């Protein structure tokens, strides 16, 4: 039975400062040394560095309140495993919505022994914003993550505000979520999020308020998203929306299937708990008409990271937790030879079954 949970209003009692430096100092995690170090960068780089620091290091601050429904769980590892040998009913397409770039140290843990052995160094690398389109023969059209909005494609103002708006100037908008949904037949029934970092919700301007959002446990209340500098962006994108969070049964770390949510109730789409990159990060195991496929979200940003078992770097909340979730997804993908889509690169990875 679904249960409505009241939003956490506590952080709204805080007094927000309009000045970025004063706000960060007020929150208590950064000092003037940190700000002075970043101020030596160029204007765009300073904004990017400040935004990154906020996303992964800022203290508890809040999103705006909205309706959150906790959704129950149904799972069976044996049932999932038995179904992977056969194609499923879901038509799947992946569409690149935008092209961007960012620092490699955020995408890959460069301190990992594998990364050091490979000689990987920091630098600007290209990334993509993907939208996975799922059409179920009975339940209709769903998307995983949101790409960018039509307004951004048209060069018009969208939901990004303040610092987020400045950082996104380097983003090349390719296809809007609105156009992707239209090409998929329209009548969007739901948005499935891998997590709620702002680059995964930028297309929400194209989603009718009546369409529910689905996300992992506690993700919509993850307080690092709602700090003073990003609060306006999230308030605009999430205003008046219904967010439904899954709950997962306790499951062994090595067996994400044991706690998986059977989304449609017919074994065609499984939601896998993958805490680490964010507390409520999830992956999706899709039984498509072409066979099973795995969508990792940002549990792995890159194919190299997935292939070598190296978790994301500075963009991730909990590297140890992320590494455990990544290891579990790799074991699943290798055991059943499942083509895997990572968070921010095109194409799929197929791990060596002998690995």
Protein backbone atom coordinates (compact mmCIF):
# COMPACT_ATOMS: atom_id res chain seq x y z
CA UNK A 1 0.00 0.00 0.00
CA UNK A 2 1.40 3.40 -0.96
CA UNK A 3 2.07 5.82 1.85
CA UNK A 4 2.27 9.58 1.53
CA UNK A 5 5.24 11.08 3.31
CA UNK A 6 5.27 14.77 4.31
CA UNK A 7 8.22 16.73 2.90
CA UNK A 8 11.12 17.74 5.12
CA UNK A 9 10.55 21.43 5.82
CA UNK A 10 13.19 21.81 8.51
CA UNK A 11 15.94 23.36 6.37
CA UNK A 12 13.58 26.12 5.28
CA UNK A 13 13.95 27.57 8.75
CA UNK A 14 17.53 28.46 7.83
CA UNK A 15 18.41 31.99 6.83
CA UNK A 16 19.77 31.92 3.28
CA UNK A 17 22.40 34.37 2.12
CA UNK A 18 22.26 35.82 -1.39
CA UNK A 19 26.04 35.92 -1.56
CA UNK A 20 27.58 32.62 -2.66
CA UNK A 21 30.70 32.87 -0.53
CA UNK A 22 28.79 33.93 2.57
CA UNK A 23 26.29 31.14 2.01
CA UNK A 24 28.98 28.48 1.75
CA UNK A 25 30.75 29.79 4.84
CA UNK A 26 27.42 29.91 6.66
CA UNK A 27 26.86 26.24 5.83
CA UNK A 28 30.19 25.50 7.43
CA UNK A 29 32.05 23.15 5.05
CA UNK A 30 34.13 25.68 3.11
CA UNK A 31 36.47 28.42 4.25
CA UNK A 32 38.00 31.44 2.55
CA UNK A 33 41.00 29.35 1.49
CA UNK A 34 38.75 27.17 -0.65
CA UNK A 35 37.07 30.16 -2.24
CA UNK A 36 40.37 31.97 -2.86
CA UNK A 37 41.79 28.85 -4.54
CA UNK A 38 38.82 28.69 -6.87
CA UNK A 39 38.89 32.41 -7.55
CA UNK A 40 42.22 32.03 -9.38
CA UNK A 41 40.34 30.18 -12.12
CA UNK A 42 38.65 31.84 -15.04
CA UNK A 43 35.06 32.97 -14.59
CA UNK A 44 33.52 29.89 -16.27
CA UNK A 45 35.94 27.50 -14.54
CA UNK A 46 35.25 29.15 -11.18
CA UNK A 47 31.53 28.64 -11.65
CA UNK A 48 32.07 25.01 -12.64
CA UNK A 49 34.36 24.33 -9.69
CA UNK A 50 31.97 25.99 -7.28
CA UNK A 51 29.02 24.03 -8.62
CA UNK A 52 30.95 20.75 -8.35
CA UNK A 53 31.97 21.56 -4.77
CA UNK A 54 28.35 22.26 -3.91
CA UNK A 55 27.00 19.10 -5.54
CA UNK A 56 29.32 16.69 -3.76
CA UNK A 57 30.42 18.53 -0.63
CA UNK A 58 27.78 20.96 0.50
CA UNK A 59 26.06 20.44 3.85
CA UNK A 60 22.39 19.85 4.53
CA UNK A 61 20.14 22.31 2.75
CA UNK A 62 16.76 21.63 1.20
CA UNK A 63 14.73 21.29 -1.95
CA UNK A 64 11.32 22.84 -2.12
CA UNK A 65 8.52 20.70 -0.66
CA UNK A 66 6.47 18.50 -2.97
CA UNK A 67 4.40 15.34 -2.82
CA UNK A 68 6.42 12.18 -2.24
CA UNK A 69 4.84 8.73 -2.36
CA UNK A 70 6.67 5.66 -1.11
CA UNK A 71 6.13 2.70 -3.42
CA UNK A 72 6.40 -0.92 -2.27
CA UNK A 73 8.63 -3.61 -3.71
CA UNK A 74 8.20 -6.99 -5.35
CA UNK A 75 11.26 -9.04 -6.21
CA UNK A 76 12.53 -12.53 -6.91
CA UNK A 77 16.12 -13.17 -7.97
CA UNK A 78 15.14 -16.56 -9.37
CA UNK A 79 12.31 -15.07 -11.43
CA UNK A 80 14.59 -12.39 -12.89
CA UNK A 81 17.37 -14.81 -13.74
CA UNK A 82 14.97 -17.23 -15.42
CA UNK A 83 13.58 -14.46 -17.62
CA UNK A 84 16.91 -13.19 -18.96
CA UNK A 85 17.26 -15.92 -21.55
CA UNK A 86 14.26 -14.63 -23.50
CA UNK A 87 13.49 -11.28 -25.18
CA UNK A 88 10.92 -9.16 -23.39
CA UNK A 89 8.01 -6.96 -24.43
CA UNK A 90 9.62 -3.52 -24.11
CA UNK A 91 10.67 -1.58 -27.21
CA UNK A 92 13.81 0.38 -26.30
CA UNK A 93 15.59 3.28 -27.97
CA UNK A 94 18.35 5.51 -26.67
CA UNK A 95 18.52 9.12 -27.91
CA UNK A 96 21.34 11.61 -27.36
CA UNK A 97 19.72 14.81 -26.14
CA UNK A 98 22.81 16.91 -25.54
CA UNK A 99 26.60 17.08 -25.79
CA UNK A 100 28.74 18.56 -23.03
CA UNK A 101 32.20 18.20 -21.51
CA UNK A 102 33.63 17.93 -18.03
CA UNK A 103 36.78 16.93 -16.12
CA UNK A 104 37.88 13.31 -16.19
CA UNK A 105 38.62 13.35 -12.44
CA UNK A 106 34.90 13.73 -11.82
CA UNK A 107 33.96 10.82 -14.08
CA UNK A 108 36.66 8.35 -13.01
CA UNK A 109 38.50 7.88 -9.72
CA UNK A 110 41.99 8.72 -10.93
CA UNK A 111 43.47 7.51 -7.63
CA UNK A 112 42.29 3.95 -8.30
CA UNK A 113 45.19 1.57 -9.05
CA UNK A 114 43.64 0.64 -12.42
CA UNK A 115 43.44 4.29 -13.44
CA UNK A 116 47.02 4.91 -12.36
CA UNK A 117 48.25 1.82 -14.22
CA UNK A 118 46.47 3.04 -17.36
CA UNK A 119 48.13 6.45 -17.04
CA UNK A 120 44.82 8.30 -17.00
CA UNK A 121 45.17 12.00 -16.33
CA UNK A 122 42.73 14.78 -15.64
CA UNK A 123 41.50 16.88 -18.51
CA UNK A 124 38.37 17.98 -20.32
CA UNK A 125 36.50 15.06 -21.88
CA UNK A 126 33.26 14.93 -23.90
CA UNK A 127 30.07 13.52 -22.38
CA UNK A 128 26.49 13.08 -23.54
CA UNK A 129 23.07 13.49 -21.96
CA UNK A 130 21.01 10.44 -22.91
CA UNK A 131 17.31 9.64 -22.82
CA UNK A 132 16.21 6.01 -22.83
CA UNK A 133 12.78 5.58 -24.38
CA UNK A 134 10.76 2.57 -23.23
CA UNK A 135 7.45 1.55 -24.78
CA UNK A 136 5.51 -1.19 -23.03
CA UNK A 137 2.69 -2.81 -25.05
CA UNK A 138 0.21 -2.42 -22.19
CA UNK A 139 1.53 0.41 -20.02
CA UNK A 140 2.67 2.83 -22.71
CA UNK A 141 5.60 5.24 -23.02
CA UNK A 142 8.19 5.92 -20.30
CA UNK A 143 11.60 7.59 -20.37
CA UNK A 144 14.70 7.07 -18.25
CA UNK A 145 16.27 10.45 -17.44
CA UNK A 146 15.24 13.60 -19.26
CA UNK A 147 17.95 15.11 -21.48
CA UNK A 148 17.23 18.76 -22.25
CA UNK A 149 14.08 20.76 -22.83
CA UNK A 150 12.71 22.31 -26.02
CA UNK A 151 13.40 25.74 -24.58
CA UNK A 152 17.11 24.94 -24.32
CA UNK A 153 17.20 23.59 -27.89
CA UNK A 154 15.53 26.82 -29.05
CA UNK A 155 17.95 28.97 -27.06
CA UNK A 156 15.17 30.21 -24.80
CA UNK A 157 15.21 30.40 -20.97
CA UNK A 158 14.51 27.07 -19.29
CA UNK A 159 14.43 25.72 -15.74
CA UNK A 160 18.15 26.29 -15.12
CA UNK A 161 18.70 29.32 -12.92
CA UNK A 162 21.66 31.19 -11.46
CA UNK A 163 24.91 29.24 -11.27
CA UNK A 164 23.49 26.23 -13.11
CA UNK A 165 22.51 28.49 -16.00
CA UNK A 166 26.05 29.86 -16.24
CA UNK A 167 27.73 26.45 -16.17
CA UNK A 168 25.37 25.05 -18.82
CA UNK A 169 26.47 27.60 -21.43
CA UNK A 170 28.88 24.95 -22.74
CA UNK A 171 26.10 22.41 -23.26
CA UNK A 172 25.10 21.76 -26.88
CA UNK A 173 21.40 20.91 -26.91
CA UNK A 174 20.72 18.38 -29.67
CA UNK A 175 17.20 16.97 -29.22
CA UNK A 176 14.60 18.00 -26.69
CA UNK A 177 12.69 15.63 -24.51
CA UNK A 178 9.50 16.95 -26.11
CA UNK A 179 10.68 15.94 -29.58
CA UNK A 180 11.89 12.55 -28.31
CA UNK A 181 8.51 11.83 -26.71
CA UNK A 182 6.66 12.97 -29.82
CA UNK A 183 8.78 10.68 -32.00
CA UNK A 184 8.01 7.84 -29.60
CA UNK A 185 4.30 8.27 -30.10
CA UNK A 186 3.53 10.80 -27.40
CA UNK A 187 1.41 10.30 -24.27
CA UNK A 188 4.27 10.03 -21.79
CA UNK A 189 3.17 7.96 -18.79
CA UNK A 190 6.11 8.41 -16.45
CA UNK A 191 9.71 9.58 -15.99
CA UNK A 192 12.14 7.10 -14.42
CA UNK A 193 15.22 8.78 -12.96
CA UNK A 194 18.55 7.09 -12.32
CA UNK A 195 19.18 9.83 -9.74
CA UNK A 196 18.45 13.52 -9.30
CA UNK A 197 21.63 15.39 -10.19
CA UNK A 198 20.57 18.42 -12.18
CA UNK A 199 21.99 17.19 -15.50
CA UNK A 200 19.48 14.33 -15.35
CA UNK A 201 16.39 16.48 -14.77
CA UNK A 202 16.99 19.37 -17.21
CA UNK A 203 14.28 18.15 -19.58
CA UNK A 204 11.50 18.29 -16.99
CA UNK A 205 10.20 21.55 -18.48
CA UNK A 206 8.85 19.35 -21.31
CA UNK A 207 7.02 16.99 -18.94
CA UNK A 208 3.41 17.76 -18.01
CA UNK A 209 2.87 18.25 -14.29
CA UNK A 210 0.43 15.32 -14.31
CA UNK A 211 3.17 12.85 -15.31
CA UNK A 212 4.75 11.24 -12.22
CA UNK A 213 8.49 11.05 -11.56
CA UNK A 214 10.00 7.87 -10.12
CA UNK A 215 13.28 7.78 -8.21
CA UNK A 216 15.28 5.87 -5.61
CA UNK A 217 14.76 5.91 -1.84
CA UNK A 218 15.45 9.26 -0.22
CA UNK A 219 16.70 10.72 -3.50
CA UNK A 220 14.13 13.51 -3.67
CA UNK A 221 15.06 14.62 -0.17
CA UNK A 222 18.81 14.37 -0.68
CA UNK A 223 19.73 17.68 0.88
CA UNK A 224 22.90 18.36 -1.08
CA UNK A 225 20.73 19.10 -4.14
CA UNK A 226 18.86 21.95 -2.51
CA UNK A 227 21.61 24.32 -1.43
CA UNK A 228 21.15 28.05 -1.89
CA UNK A 229 22.86 28.25 -5.27
CA UNK A 230 20.89 25.44 -6.93
CA UNK A 231 17.66 25.82 -5.01
CA UNK A 232 16.06 28.04 -7.67
CA UNK A 233 16.82 25.53 -10.42
CA UNK A 234 15.32 22.61 -8.53
CA UNK A 235 12.33 24.62 -7.40
CA UNK A 236 11.58 25.54 -11.00
CA UNK A 237 12.04 22.03 -12.37
CA UNK A 238 10.20 20.20 -9.58
CA UNK A 239 7.44 22.70 -8.84
CA UNK A 240 4.09 21.01 -8.05
CA UNK A 241 5.29 17.62 -9.29
CA UNK A 242 4.50 14.24 -7.77
CA UNK A 243 7.62 12.25 -7.00
CA UNK A 244 7.31 8.55 -6.27
CA UNK A 245 10.18 6.88 -4.44
CA UNK A 246 10.81 3.17 -4.41
CA UNK A 247 11.66 1.26 -1.28
CA UNK A 248 13.90 -1.78 -1.53
CA UNK A 249 14.00 -4.89 0.61
CA UNK A 250 17.30 -5.45 2.37
CA UNK A 251 19.52 -7.33 -0.07
CA UNK A 252 23.09 -8.64 -0.11
CA UNK A 253 25.45 -6.05 -1.60
CA UNK A 254 26.56 -8.56 -4.23
CA UNK A 255 22.99 -9.34 -5.33
CA UNK A 256 21.06 -6.22 -6.40
CA UNK A 257 18.41 -8.48 -7.91
CA UNK A 258 17.36 -9.65 -4.45
CA UNK A 259 15.99 -6.21 -3.61
CA UNK A 260 14.80 -5.20 -7.06
CA UNK A 261 11.47 -3.55 -7.85
CA UNK A 262 9.36 -5.18 -10.57
CA UNK A 263 8.15 -1.90 -12.05
CA UNK A 264 5.35 -3.11 -14.34
CA UNK A 265 4.63 -6.26 -12.35
CA UNK A 266 5.31 -8.53 -15.32
CA UNK A 267 9.08 -8.99 -15.04
CA UNK A 268 9.86 -6.73 -17.98
CA UNK A 269 11.54 -3.84 -16.12
CA UNK A 270 13.49 -4.18 -12.90
CA UNK A 271 14.73 -1.29 -10.76
CA UNK A 272 18.02 -2.16 -9.02
CA UNK A 273 19.29 -0.35 -5.90
CA UNK A 274 22.74 1.15 -6.52
CA UNK A 275 23.57 3.51 -3.63
CA UNK A 276 26.87 5.33 -3.84
CA UNK A 277 26.93 7.95 -6.56
CA UNK A 278 23.96 9.39 -4.70
CA UNK A 279 22.13 7.73 -1.78
CA UNK A 280 19.14 6.82 -3.95
CA UNK A 281 20.86 5.97 -7.24
CA UNK A 282 19.30 3.12 -9.21
CA UNK A 283 20.00 1.11 -12.35
CA UNK A 284 17.45 -0.44 -14.70
CA UNK A 285 17.40 -3.97 -16.07
CA UNK A 286 15.20 -3.93 -19.18
CA UNK A 287 13.84 -7.00 -20.95
CA UNK A 288 13.63 -5.45 -24.38
CA UNK A 289 12.41 -6.95 -27.63
CA UNK A 290 16.09 -7.35 -28.60
CA UNK A 291 16.98 -9.05 -25.31
CA UNK A 292 18.02 -7.86 -21.84
CA UNK A 293 19.94 -4.62 -21.40
CA UNK A 294 21.33 -2.80 -18.38
CA UNK A 295 21.23 0.97 -17.78
CA UNK A 296 23.67 1.96 -15.02
CA UNK A 297 22.98 5.66 -14.67
CA UNK A 298 25.97 7.37 -13.09
CA UNK A 299 27.00 4.31 -11.07
CA UNK A 300 29.41 4.27 -14.01
CA UNK A 301 29.81 7.40 -16.11
CA UNK A 302 32.08 5.80 -18.70
CA UNK A 303 32.63 2.56 -20.59
CA UNK A 304 36.24 2.48 -19.41
CA UNK A 305 35.13 2.74 -15.79
CA UNK A 306 32.60 -0.07 -16.22
CA UNK A 307 35.00 -2.34 -18.10
CA UNK A 308 37.79 -1.87 -15.54
CA UNK A 309 35.67 -1.71 -12.39
CA UNK A 310 36.70 1.84 -11.52
CA UNK A 311 34.05 3.95 -9.82
CA UNK A 312 33.42 7.65 -10.55
CA UNK A 313 35.69 10.25 -9.00
CA UNK A 314 34.87 13.60 -7.44
CA UNK A 315 31.32 13.69 -8.79
CA UNK A 316 30.23 10.81 -6.56
CA UNK A 317 28.96 11.03 -2.98
CA UNK A 318 30.30 7.78 -1.56
CA UNK A 319 33.10 6.16 -3.54
CA UNK A 320 33.19 2.99 -1.46
CA UNK A 321 29.43 2.52 -1.80
CA UNK A 322 29.62 3.38 -5.49
CA UNK A 323 32.40 0.80 -5.96
CA UNK A 324 30.26 -1.90 -4.32
CA UNK A 325 27.25 -1.09 -6.51
CA UNK A 326 29.42 -0.99 -9.62
CA UNK A 327 30.94 -4.37 -8.78
CA UNK A 328 27.47 -5.90 -8.39
CA UNK A 329 26.32 -4.52 -11.75
CA UNK A 330 29.47 -5.80 -13.45
CA UNK A 331 28.92 -9.27 -11.99
CA UNK A 332 25.34 -9.25 -13.27
CA UNK A 333 26.29 -8.00 -16.72
CA UNK A 334 29.14 -10.48 -17.08
CA UNK A 335 27.21 -13.51 -15.81
CA UNK A 336 24.31 -13.01 -18.22
CA UNK A 337 26.25 -11.23 -21.01
CA UNK A 338 24.01 -8.16 -20.88
CA UNK A 339 24.82 -5.15 -23.10
CA UNK A 340 25.27 -2.19 -20.75
CA UNK A 341 24.61 1.53 -21.20
CA UNK A 342 26.67 3.80 -18.94
CA UNK A 343 25.71 7.24 -17.70
CA UNK A 344 27.46 9.68 -20.03
CA UNK A 345 28.85 7.95 -23.11
CA UNK A 346 27.26 6.57 -26.26
CA UNK A 347 26.95 2.91 -27.14
CA UNK A 348 27.08 -0.21 -25.00
CA UNK A 349 29.68 -2.33 -23.23
CA UNK A 350 29.68 -6.13 -23.19
CA UNK A 351 32.00 -7.56 -20.55
CA UNK A 352 34.13 -10.61 -21.23
CA UNK A 353 32.26 -13.58 -19.81
CA UNK A 354 35.54 -15.02 -18.51
CA UNK A 355 36.50 -11.83 -16.64
